[in-house]
Every structure is written in structure tokens, then in C-alpha cells.
Amino acid sequence: MTHSWQDSIYQQRAELAEALREPLAQLAEKCVPLWGDRLSLNQVLREEHSCIPFCNFLYALNTEGKQISDNVGATGIQRGHYGRNRSDRPYMQETVPAWGFLLSDAYISHFTHHPALTALQVVRKGVETLGFIGANFMLRALPVTAELYEEPEEWRQIKGDPAIRGTVFQQCRVDSPMDQNIEQSLSILEELLTERGVFQCQIHFSSSQAIIWMKDDPFRYRLLDRDVLLDPDICLVYPSHNYDDNALIPQGAISQILDNMATLRLSDETIYLRTASINIYNGMVSLTFSCDGSHYMRYDEFLQKETSFWFGGNRIAL
């Protein structure tokens, strides 16, 4: 089953909420008889801090969002926050559900400027709401238990800078050195992708350069400038590799993909391909046109598109 990034977030939040709901409810009950007593609240928050998994610090708020305890963390009491008005913070703008527990959306911390979230537990004495217990969590300290989402395969079109789109018909493609030698340049890139262990290639047609990532050294990119892209001897630098059976793009499709990209680069003087990329493992290609519109699609869908799809009356690239 394919999981989107929204699915992964939902799963992660659900598991965190399940771990926090009961211990925070128990802490709130212990705070009821001490409510309004700063020192006593500090003490119980300090005693119970270790019971709240992954918690950065705890504090108590009245119903107006004013802090009536200090911040209490693993190292003890953090002075300087008593009396602080938190009513304008993102987690205080969310509606606490009827059952009295809220796990906020993530936000950027006011003090650390790092992603964080807050759990709020309502403190009640009978039917009277006394306030809230707040628990702060830094996202970097939370375990990741959700399944990593998969990049979607359906065609996606993303519009770019409106200023560029607004003046697109006032411009005209100027031949780059790569355009003037496009057959040779793309033949070099085909060799690198199919025979030399390159699994991702980003081609910048207008500036006559390509950026490549190698299977043997995947964490660092290499920049091929216009001189390299005119010299087939560069292929001697990269060791031969059998094409990976795990690649989603078949070896024989690379040449046709590059040919189609060349067509999109040269067919129209106004709407033309500016940059493109290929990743053989996720089976996707990306295309960014002169209008700053970007497209992401499966390689086989890309190969099925006729030139008229891109340059027809609807100007799909816009």
C-alpha cells in the first residue's frame, strides 16, 4: 500500500498521542489540589517529568493562557517563564477536544527556532476547568515510528515564478553551447547513465551543464560543465557498471528519454525545456520549461506524450 506524506504524519501523531494521553491525564489529576501554588506545582511537575516520554519541559497555565508555574525539564526548573502569556502561541489557537487532550500541529519554537509541538491536557476540578498542563516536545527528539512515505508517481505540474510566466512570450530561446552540440552531449550522458553507474542526472540546457550522482558515491554530486559535455573521454573517468536490475527505468529507455528532452528543448523558440532530470530508481523524470512551469512524471508516461501535448494550443507547459 502506498503511503503519502500526510499518511505518515497521521500515523506518527497517532502513536505519539497514544503514548502521552494517559500519563498527562494522571499528571493533571495530581495537580488539581495544588492549583495556584507555584512552588508545589513546580515540585509535582519535576517529580512526574520522567513519566512523560520524550518531553522537553512541562508547565501549568490558567484558562487565560498565563503560565502559573515555571518551565520544568529533565535538568530541573527553568526560571524566567513564570507569568508568561502563552495565549498567542499556535497551540493555544487550536480547539481542545471534549475529552481534554490536544496534540498540537508542529510549529517553530519561539526561543530555539526549531520545529516543536505541544500537548495540552485540561485540568478540571469536577465540572470546573482550572487550566492546562502543557508539555513541550522538540521534533528532533521524537522517535520516527511511521513508515517513510513514497513519492507519488502520478503526473504533477507545479507553476513557478509569476513574473517569469507573465513575460514568457517576450523572450526567445538563445542557443547554448550544449544546444549546438546536443547530440554529442546527450550521448555522453546516456553512456554515464547506462554503463557507468550514474543513477541520477540533472541537465541544465540553458547553462550547458549537468549534475550527476553515482551509485558508488551517492552522497556527493559531480558537476559536468560545457567542456566536459563536449568530451567523450570523460567516460574513461567513471568505471563500468552493469545496469542495476533494481532500476525502474529500463536501460533501453534512457536513449529515448534523452531524445525526447532534446526535442522539447529545440522544438519551440518561446516555450522550451530549460532543465530536466532522470532518476533511474524512482522511475521519474522532471521537466522545467522557460515559463518556469515544472512537471514530474513517470518515464513511461513521458515517453507516451507526443510533442503536440507540450506545444499544442493549450500550451500545457504553462
Protein backbone atom coordinates (compact mmCIF):
# COMPACT_ATOMS: atom_id res chain seq x y z
CA MET A 1 0.00 0.00 0.00
CA THR A 2 1.33 3.43 -0.95
CA HIS A 3 1.62 5.93 1.89
CA SER A 4 1.56 9.68 1.30
CA TRP A 5 3.46 12.13 3.49
CA GLN A 6 0.10 13.03 5.07
CA ASP A 7 -0.46 9.36 5.96
CA SER A 8 2.97 9.14 7.57
CA ILE A 9 2.34 12.29 9.64
CA TYR A 10 -1.06 10.97 10.77
CA GLN A 11 0.45 7.65 11.86
CA GLN A 12 3.31 9.34 13.72
CA ARG A 13 0.97 11.75 15.53
CA ALA A 14 -1.48 8.98 16.44
CA GLU A 15 1.26 6.90 18.06
CA LEU A 16 2.65 9.88 19.97
CA ALA A 17 -0.81 10.89 21.22
CA GLU A 18 -1.46 7.34 22.41
CA ALA A 19 1.79 7.42 24.42
CA LEU A 20 1.04 10.81 26.01
CA ARG A 21 -2.68 10.83 26.72
CA GLU A 22 -2.77 8.68 29.85
CA PRO A 23 0.35 9.97 31.67
CA LEU A 24 -0.70 13.59 31.09
CA ALA A 25 -4.21 12.87 32.39
CA GLN A 26 -2.72 11.33 35.53
CA LEU A 27 -0.41 14.33 35.98
CA ALA A 28 -3.35 16.71 35.66
CA GLU A 29 -5.19 14.89 38.47
CA LYS A 30 -2.17 15.25 40.75
CA CYS A 31 -2.05 18.99 40.04
CA VAL A 32 -5.68 19.72 40.97
CA PRO A 33 -5.19 20.08 44.76
CA LEU A 34 -2.04 22.17 44.16
CA TRP A 35 -3.52 24.53 41.59
CA GLY A 36 -2.45 28.13 42.15
CA ASP A 37 0.57 27.17 44.28
CA ARG A 38 3.60 27.86 42.10
CA LEU A 39 6.19 26.03 44.21
CA SER A 40 4.01 22.96 44.71
CA LEU A 41 3.20 22.78 41.01
CA ASN A 42 6.89 23.05 40.18
CA GLN A 43 7.59 20.18 42.54
CA VAL A 44 4.99 17.78 41.14
CA LEU A 45 5.95 18.65 37.56
CA ARG A 46 9.56 17.88 38.40
CA GLU A 47 8.64 14.57 40.04
CA GLU A 48 6.48 13.46 37.12
CA HIS A 49 8.56 14.79 34.22
CA SER A 50 10.22 11.42 33.60
CA CYS A 51 6.78 9.80 33.22
CA ILE A 52 6.04 11.87 30.09
CA PRO A 53 8.02 10.21 27.27
CA PHE A 54 10.28 12.39 25.11
CA CYS A 55 9.17 15.57 26.94
CA ASN A 56 11.37 18.66 26.77
CA PHE A 57 9.65 20.57 29.58
CA LEU A 58 6.31 20.86 31.42
CA TYR A 59 4.38 23.87 32.71
CA ALA A 60 0.95 24.87 34.01
CA LEU A 61 -1.35 27.52 32.52
CA ASN A 62 -4.53 29.15 33.75
CA THR A 63 -7.58 29.37 31.50
CA GLU A 64 -6.35 32.65 30.00
CA GLY A 65 -3.10 31.07 28.87
CA LYS A 66 -0.94 32.71 31.55
CA GLN A 67 1.78 30.49 32.98
CA ILE A 68 1.33 29.77 36.70
CA SER A 69 4.40 27.54 37.10
CA ASP A 70 7.95 27.67 35.87
CA ASN A 71 9.17 25.52 33.00
CA VAL A 72 10.26 22.18 34.45
CA GLY A 73 12.58 19.92 32.45
CA ALA A 74 14.88 16.97 32.96
CA THR A 75 17.55 19.23 34.47
CA GLY A 76 15.13 20.92 36.87
CA ILE A 77 13.35 24.26 36.99
CA GLN A 78 13.95 26.72 34.15
CA ARG A 79 13.41 30.22 35.52
CA GLY A 80 12.11 33.17 33.56
CA HIS A 81 8.81 31.77 32.26
CA TYR A 82 6.53 32.19 35.28
CA GLY A 83 3.78 34.65 34.38
CA ARG A 84 4.41 34.33 30.66
CA ASN A 85 1.34 34.82 28.48
CA ARG A 86 1.17 31.96 26.00
CA SER A 87 -2.30 32.78 24.69
CA ASP A 88 -0.93 33.87 21.31
CA ARG A 89 1.12 30.74 20.68
CA PRO A 90 -0.06 28.41 17.87
CA TYR A 91 -1.10 25.56 20.18
CA MET A 92 -3.35 27.92 22.17
CA GLN A 93 -5.23 28.83 19.00
CA GLU A 94 -6.34 25.23 18.43
CA THR A 95 -9.56 23.86 19.90
CA VAL A 96 -9.02 21.32 22.65
CA PRO A 97 -11.29 18.29 22.05
CA ALA A 98 -14.06 17.49 24.51
CA TRP A 99 -12.03 14.69 26.11
CA GLY A 100 -9.48 17.30 27.25
CA PHE A 101 -6.32 16.33 25.38
CA LEU A 102 -4.76 18.12 22.40
CA LEU A 103 -1.62 17.29 20.46
CA SER A 104 -0.89 20.47 18.55
CA ASP A 105 0.28 20.84 15.00
CA ALA A 106 4.03 21.33 14.71
CA TYR A 107 5.29 24.91 14.83
CA ILE A 108 8.61 26.76 15.02
CA SER A 109 9.71 27.35 18.61
CA HIS A 110 9.81 31.00 19.68
CA PHE A 111 13.11 30.51 21.53
CA THR A 112 15.05 27.76 19.72
CA HIS A 113 13.66 28.44 16.22
CA HIS A 114 13.47 24.67 15.74
CA PRO A 115 10.34 22.61 14.92
CA ALA A 116 8.36 21.70 18.04
CA LEU A 117 4.90 20.68 19.17
CA THR A 118 2.92 20.92 22.39
CA ALA A 119 0.50 18.59 24.12
CA LEU A 120 -2.19 20.30 26.22
CA GLN A 121 -4.11 18.47 28.93
CA VAL A 122 -7.12 20.17 30.50
CA VAL A 123 -7.05 20.32 34.31
CA ARG A 124 -10.55 20.01 35.81
CA LYS A 125 -11.93 20.07 39.32
CA GLY A 126 -15.32 18.48 38.93
CA VAL A 127 -17.00 20.40 36.13
CA GLU A 128 -14.78 23.46 36.59
CA THR A 129 -11.87 23.96 34.19
CA LEU A 130 -8.85 25.21 36.12
CA GLY A 131 -6.40 25.45 33.23
CA PHE A 132 -3.94 23.29 31.34
CA ILE A 133 -0.79 21.27 31.68
CA GLY A 134 1.49 21.95 28.73
CA ALA A 135 4.16 19.53 27.55
CA ASN A 136 6.72 20.75 25.04
CA PHE A 137 8.45 18.40 22.58
CA MET A 138 11.27 19.08 20.13
CA LEU A 139 10.67 17.17 16.91
CA ARG A 140 14.34 16.23 16.70
CA ALA A 141 14.00 14.32 20.00
CA LEU A 142 11.00 12.26 18.92
CA PRO A 143 11.46 8.74 17.52
CA VAL A 144 10.26 8.21 13.96
CA THR A 145 7.98 5.18 14.01
CA ALA A 146 5.85 5.92 10.95
CA GLU A 147 6.63 4.29 7.63
CA LEU A 148 8.52 6.60 5.31
CA TYR A 149 6.14 7.83 2.63
CA GLU A 150 6.60 7.04 -1.03
CA GLU A 151 6.96 9.75 -3.64
CA PRO A 152 3.75 9.79 -5.75
CA GLU A 153 4.03 8.53 -9.31
CA GLU A 154 1.20 10.47 -10.91
CA TRP A 155 1.99 13.42 -13.15
CA ARG A 156 2.34 16.64 -11.20
CA GLN A 157 2.53 20.13 -12.64
CA ILE A 158 3.88 22.96 -10.49
CA LYS A 159 3.70 26.56 -11.63
CA GLY A 160 6.76 28.70 -10.96
CA ASP A 161 7.54 32.40 -10.68
CA PRO A 162 4.56 34.51 -11.87
CA ALA A 163 6.97 37.20 -13.05
CA ILE A 164 8.57 34.74 -15.47
CA ARG A 165 5.24 33.37 -16.67
CA GLY A 166 3.98 36.90 -17.28
CA THR A 167 6.79 37.73 -19.69
CA VAL A 168 7.30 34.33 -21.33
CA PHE A 169 6.05 35.48 -24.77
CA GLN A 170 8.52 38.36 -24.74
CA GLN A 171 11.51 36.02 -24.72
CA CYS A 172 13.17 33.76 -27.23
CA ARG A 173 15.50 30.83 -26.77
CA VAL A 174 19.19 31.56 -27.36
CA ASP A 175 21.33 28.62 -28.42
CA SER A 176 23.65 27.50 -25.65
CA PRO A 177 26.90 25.60 -26.33
CA MET A 178 25.04 22.46 -25.29
CA ASP A 179 22.26 23.19 -27.81
CA GLN A 180 24.85 23.48 -30.56
CA ASN A 181 26.26 20.06 -29.70
CA ILE A 182 23.22 18.46 -28.12
CA GLU A 183 23.55 15.05 -29.78
CA GLN A 184 27.09 14.56 -28.52
CA SER A 185 26.35 15.89 -25.03
CA LEU A 186 23.34 13.63 -24.55
CA SER A 187 25.25 10.63 -25.90
CA ILE A 188 27.85 11.20 -23.16
CA LEU A 189 25.10 11.38 -20.53
CA GLU A 190 23.47 8.21 -21.90
CA GLU A 191 26.78 6.38 -21.52
CA LEU A 192 27.14 7.56 -17.94
CA LEU A 193 23.57 6.58 -17.03
CA THR A 194 23.52 3.18 -18.71
CA GLU A 195 27.12 1.96 -18.41
CA ARG A 196 28.96 3.99 -15.78
CA GLY A 197 26.96 3.78 -12.56
CA VAL A 198 25.23 7.17 -12.68
CA PHE A 199 21.71 6.86 -11.26
CA GLN A 200 20.55 10.47 -11.29
CA CYS A 201 21.29 13.23 -13.74
CA GLN A 202 20.09 16.83 -13.73
CA ILE A 203 20.56 18.58 -17.06
CA HIS A 204 20.73 22.37 -17.35
CA PHE A 205 20.36 23.02 -21.07
CA SER A 206 20.48 26.80 -20.92
CA SER A 207 23.72 26.94 -18.91
CA SER A 208 25.27 23.88 -20.61
CA GLN A 209 25.95 21.80 -17.53
CA ALA A 210 24.83 18.58 -15.90
CA ILE A 211 24.93 17.37 -12.30
CA ILE A 212 25.30 13.65 -11.72
CA TRP A 213 25.10 11.27 -8.75
CA MET A 214 26.93 7.94 -8.81
CA LYS A 215 25.91 4.64 -7.26
CA ASP A 216 29.44 4.20 -5.84
CA ASP A 217 29.42 7.65 -4.20
CA PRO A 218 25.75 8.65 -3.81
CA PHE A 219 26.13 11.40 -1.19
CA ARG A 220 28.18 13.72 -3.37
CA TYR A 221 27.29 15.22 -6.73
CA ARG A 222 29.64 15.94 -9.60
CA LEU A 223 29.29 18.90 -11.93
CA LEU A 224 29.91 18.39 -15.62
CA ASP A 225 30.44 21.75 -17.32
CA ARG A 226 30.22 22.61 -21.00
CA ASP A 227 33.76 21.45 -21.74
CA VAL A 228 33.16 18.05 -20.13
CA LEU A 229 29.90 17.60 -22.01
CA LEU A 230 31.79 18.01 -25.30
CA ASP A 231 34.50 15.49 -24.46
CA PRO A 232 33.65 11.76 -24.66
CA ASP A 233 36.94 11.00 -22.88
CA ILE A 234 35.15 11.87 -19.63
CA CYS A 235 33.59 8.40 -19.75
CA LEU A 236 37.03 6.92 -19.08
CA VAL A 237 36.99 8.50 -15.61
CA TYR A 238 33.96 6.53 -14.43
CA PRO A 239 34.27 2.73 -14.02
CA SER A 240 32.00 0.42 -15.96
CA HIS A 241 28.90 -0.86 -14.15
CA ASN A 242 26.24 -3.34 -15.10
CA TYR A 243 22.90 -1.57 -15.28
CA ASP A 244 21.10 -2.14 -11.99
CA ASP A 245 18.23 -4.65 -12.09
CA ASN A 246 16.51 -2.60 -9.36
CA ALA A 247 16.18 0.43 -11.62
CA LEU A 248 12.60 1.27 -12.57
CA ILE A 249 13.67 2.85 -15.84
CA PRO A 250 14.79 0.15 -18.30
CA GLN A 251 18.26 0.61 -19.70
CA GLY A 252 16.92 0.77 -23.24
CA ALA A 253 14.59 3.66 -22.41
CA ILE A 254 17.34 6.12 -21.42
CA SER A 255 18.25 7.00 -25.01
CA GLN A 256 14.63 7.72 -25.97
CA ILE A 257 14.09 9.83 -22.83
CA LEU A 258 17.10 11.97 -23.69
CA ASP A 259 15.99 12.26 -27.32
CA ASN A 260 12.56 13.45 -26.23
CA MET A 261 14.16 16.00 -23.93
CA ALA A 262 16.25 17.29 -26.83
CA THR A 263 13.06 17.68 -28.87
CA LEU A 264 11.40 19.68 -26.08
CA ARG A 265 14.50 21.86 -25.87
CA LEU A 266 14.69 22.72 -29.58
CA SER A 267 11.14 22.49 -30.99
CA ASP A 268 9.79 25.86 -29.89
CA GLU A 269 11.57 29.21 -29.58
CA THR A 270 9.30 30.51 -26.82
CA ILE A 271 8.24 27.53 -24.71
CA TYR A 272 11.32 25.36 -24.39
CA LEU A 273 12.88 22.98 -21.92
CA ARG A 274 15.31 24.69 -19.57
CA THR A 275 16.23 21.91 -17.12
CA ALA A 276 15.40 18.22 -16.81
CA SER A 277 16.32 15.30 -14.62
CA ILE A 278 16.28 11.49 -14.67
CA ASN A 279 16.35 9.15 -11.68
CA ILE A 280 16.55 5.52 -12.69
CA TYR A 281 15.49 4.17 -9.28
CA ASN A 282 12.24 6.04 -8.73
CA GLY A 283 11.43 5.87 -12.45
CA MET A 284 10.69 9.57 -12.73
CA VAL A 285 11.70 12.44 -14.96
CA SER A 286 11.31 16.13 -14.22
CA LEU A 287 10.98 18.96 -16.73
CA THR A 288 11.17 22.71 -16.16
CA PHE A 289 10.26 24.97 -19.06
CA SER A 290 11.06 28.56 -19.97
CA CYS A 291 7.78 29.65 -18.40
CA ASP A 292 9.12 28.25 -15.07
CA GLY A 293 6.46 25.55 -15.08
CA SER A 294 7.73 22.20 -13.75
CA HIS A 295 6.42 18.71 -14.46
CA TYR A 296 7.13 15.42 -12.67
CA MET A 297 6.00 12.17 -14.25
CA ARG A 298 6.83 8.51 -14.73
CA TYR A 299 9.29 7.85 -17.53
CA ASP A 300 6.80 5.68 -19.47
CA GLU A 301 4.11 8.37 -19.34
CA PHE A 302 6.68 10.89 -20.54
CA LEU A 303 7.59 8.67 -23.48
CA GLN A 304 3.93 8.35 -24.45
CA LYS A 305 3.45 12.12 -24.79
CA GLU A 306 3.59 13.50 -28.31
CA THR A 307 5.24 16.85 -28.95
CA SER A 308 1.78 18.34 -29.52
CA PHE A 309 0.93 17.62 -25.89
CA TRP A 310 3.55 20.16 -24.80
CA PHE A 311 3.29 22.70 -27.59
CA GLY A 312 -0.34 22.39 -28.68
CA GLY A 313 -2.98 25.08 -28.49
CA ASN A 314 -3.40 24.68 -24.72
CA ARG A 315 0.30 25.31 -24.04
CA ILE A 316 0.30 22.63 -21.34
CA ALA A 317 3.79 23.65 -20.14
CA LEU A 318 2.39 26.93 -18.87
